[in-house]
Amino acid sequence: MKKHVFLFSLLLVGILNINAQCKIVNSISENFNTWKSIDDCWESKSGLAMIYPKNNRITFYSLFSPGEEMYLMTPKIKAGQYTLSFDINNNGGDSTIEIYTVQNNSDKKSFDSISKKTKIKGSKRIQNFVLKKDAHVVFKVL
């Protein structure tokens, strides 16, 4: 009997995980005001550095790991034409940002750059791009 309860529990956890997957979206309008941690439908990869929400913004922090590549990935977005607009600033040091579209978030070979790697100086950025297939948008900060 215990074995059946355990298997049922595993099956239930599997079903909940399947239902918790994020849907492909038509647009994203995010101001990060309510984030206590990175949203489940977004993904961050930071190695030894940190990416976290604070004061209604996302902070990329690499003080103890200079040169660490940090990635923040949106939920998957439907194919189409988009305009990306965001505010960015730098609280010191040299840092750059590059924006990608990604088909497979675990395969860096599927990253397709849609912007030049530029120094972060503190300004509003606007980027127009076309997704030929459903994809994620990735912000790479170094």
Protein backbone atom coordinates (compact mmCIF):
# COMPACT_ATOMS: atom_id res chain seq x y z
CA MET A 1 0.00 0.00 0.00
CA LYS A 2 2.78 2.44 0.86
CA LYS A 3 4.35 1.81 -2.52
CA HIS A 4 1.08 2.78 -4.27
CA VAL A 5 0.72 5.98 -2.24
CA PHE A 6 4.30 6.92 -3.09
CA LEU A 7 3.75 6.25 -6.81
CA PHE A 8 0.49 8.24 -6.72
CA SER A 9 2.36 11.13 -5.06
CA LEU A 10 5.03 11.04 -7.77
CA LEU A 11 2.37 10.92 -10.46
CA LEU A 12 0.53 13.86 -8.88
CA VAL A 13 3.75 15.90 -8.69
CA GLY A 14 4.40 15.07 -12.36
CA ILE A 15 0.91 16.23 -13.35
CA LEU A 16 1.28 19.46 -11.37
CA ASN A 17 4.62 20.16 -13.04
CA ILE A 18 3.12 19.58 -16.48
CA ASN A 19 0.23 21.95 -15.74
CA ALA A 20 2.58 24.57 -14.29
CA GLN A 21 4.41 25.04 -17.61
CA CYS A 22 4.12 28.50 -19.07
CA LYS A 23 2.09 29.23 -22.17
CA ILE A 24 3.46 30.95 -25.25
CA VAL A 25 2.51 34.64 -25.08
CA ASN A 26 1.65 37.27 -27.71
CA SER A 27 3.24 40.13 -25.80
CA ILE A 28 5.03 40.99 -22.57
CA SER A 29 4.47 44.14 -20.57
CA GLU A 30 6.42 43.78 -17.34
CA ASN A 31 7.41 46.44 -14.83
CA PHE A 32 8.72 44.02 -12.13
CA ASN A 33 6.82 45.89 -9.37
CA THR A 34 5.40 42.75 -7.78
CA TRP A 35 8.36 40.42 -8.20
CA LYS A 36 9.80 38.96 -4.97
CA SER A 37 11.91 36.49 -6.99
CA ILE A 38 12.43 35.74 -10.68
CA ASP A 39 8.99 34.85 -12.11
CA ASP A 40 8.45 31.14 -12.81
CA CYS A 41 7.85 31.83 -16.51
CA TRP A 42 11.14 33.71 -16.84
CA GLU A 43 14.54 32.09 -16.50
CA SER A 44 17.83 33.43 -15.22
CA LYS A 45 21.32 31.99 -15.55
CA SER A 46 24.06 33.75 -13.71
CA GLY A 47 26.85 31.32 -12.85
CA LEU A 48 28.64 32.76 -9.80
CA ALA A 49 26.97 36.15 -10.21
CA MET A 50 23.40 37.02 -9.14
CA ILE A 51 20.23 38.17 -10.89
CA TYR A 52 17.40 39.28 -8.62
CA PRO A 53 14.46 41.69 -8.41
CA LYS A 54 14.89 44.72 -6.15
CA ASN A 55 13.19 48.14 -6.04
CA ASN A 56 10.90 47.44 -9.03
CA ARG A 57 13.76 46.41 -11.33
CA ILE A 58 15.96 43.45 -12.15
CA THR A 59 19.51 43.67 -10.81
CA PHE A 60 22.44 41.89 -12.47
CA TYR A 61 25.17 41.71 -9.80
CA SER A 62 28.66 40.34 -10.41
CA LEU A 63 30.87 42.15 -7.88
CA PHE A 64 32.65 38.98 -6.75
CA SER A 65 32.62 37.41 -10.24
CA PRO A 66 33.73 40.07 -12.74
CA GLY A 67 33.33 38.97 -16.34
CA GLU A 68 30.56 36.50 -15.50
CA GLU A 69 27.94 36.17 -18.24
CA MET A 70 24.40 36.66 -16.88
CA TYR A 71 21.21 35.84 -18.81
CA LEU A 72 17.58 36.78 -18.22
CA MET A 73 15.15 34.99 -20.54
CA THR A 74 11.51 35.91 -21.18
CA PRO A 75 8.73 33.38 -21.57
CA LYS A 76 8.39 32.02 -25.11
CA ILE A 77 6.77 34.58 -27.43
CA LYS A 78 4.71 33.83 -30.56
CA ALA A 79 6.29 34.52 -33.95
CA GLY A 80 5.71 38.06 -35.18
CA GLN A 81 7.05 41.61 -35.28
CA TYR A 82 7.87 43.28 -31.94
CA THR A 83 9.27 46.41 -30.37
CA LEU A 84 11.25 45.94 -27.19
CA SER A 85 11.58 48.98 -24.94
CA PHE A 86 13.38 49.06 -21.58
CA ASP A 87 15.32 51.32 -19.24
CA ILE A 88 18.84 50.30 -18.25
CA ASN A 89 21.55 51.80 -16.07
CA ASN A 90 24.94 50.95 -14.66
CA ASN A 91 25.91 51.60 -11.05
CA GLY A 92 29.64 51.44 -11.76
CA GLY A 93 32.21 49.42 -13.65
CA ASP A 94 32.23 48.34 -17.26
CA SER A 95 29.28 46.25 -18.35
CA THR A 96 27.68 45.39 -21.66
CA ILE A 97 24.32 44.12 -22.84
CA GLU A 98 23.38 42.10 -25.89
CA ILE A 99 19.88 40.89 -26.79
CA TYR A 100 19.14 37.53 -28.41
CA THR A 101 16.22 35.45 -29.56
CA VAL A 102 16.46 31.80 -28.58
CA GLN A 103 14.65 28.72 -29.85
CA ASN A 104 16.10 26.28 -27.32
CA ASN A 105 17.05 27.92 -24.02
CA SER A 106 19.50 25.14 -23.11
CA ASP A 107 21.46 25.36 -26.40
CA LYS A 108 23.66 28.47 -26.83
CA LYS A 109 24.00 27.60 -30.53
CA SER A 110 20.34 28.54 -30.97
CA PHE A 111 21.00 32.09 -29.67
CA ASP A 112 20.49 34.62 -32.49
CA SER A 113 21.71 38.13 -31.70
CA ILE A 114 19.24 40.93 -32.48
CA SER A 115 21.38 43.76 -31.10
CA LYS A 116 25.00 44.77 -31.02
CA LYS A 117 26.90 44.24 -27.79
CA THR A 118 26.88 47.74 -26.27
CA LYS A 119 28.18 49.36 -23.10
CA ILE A 120 25.54 50.03 -20.48
CA LYS A 121 25.49 53.78 -19.91
CA GLY A 122 22.04 54.39 -18.48
CA SER A 123 19.36 55.13 -20.99
CA LYS A 124 16.16 53.92 -22.59
CA ARG A 125 16.68 51.24 -25.23
CA ILE A 126 14.31 50.46 -28.07
CA GLN A 127 14.86 47.41 -30.24
CA ASN A 128 12.66 46.31 -33.15
CA PHE A 129 12.85 42.66 -34.19
CA VAL A 130 11.00 39.89 -35.97
CA LEU A 131 10.53 36.38 -34.63
CA LYS A 132 10.22 33.93 -37.52
CA LYS A 133 9.37 31.15 -35.05
CA ASP A 134 8.11 31.16 -31.45
CA ALA A 135 11.13 32.04 -29.30
CA HIS A 136 12.41 33.51 -26.04
CA VAL A 137 14.09 36.92 -25.83
CA VAL A 138 17.30 36.89 -23.80
CA PHE A 139 19.16 39.75 -22.17
CA LYS A 140 22.85 38.90 -21.81
CA VAL A 141 24.75 41.15 -19.42
CA LEU A 142 28.53 40.89 -19.02
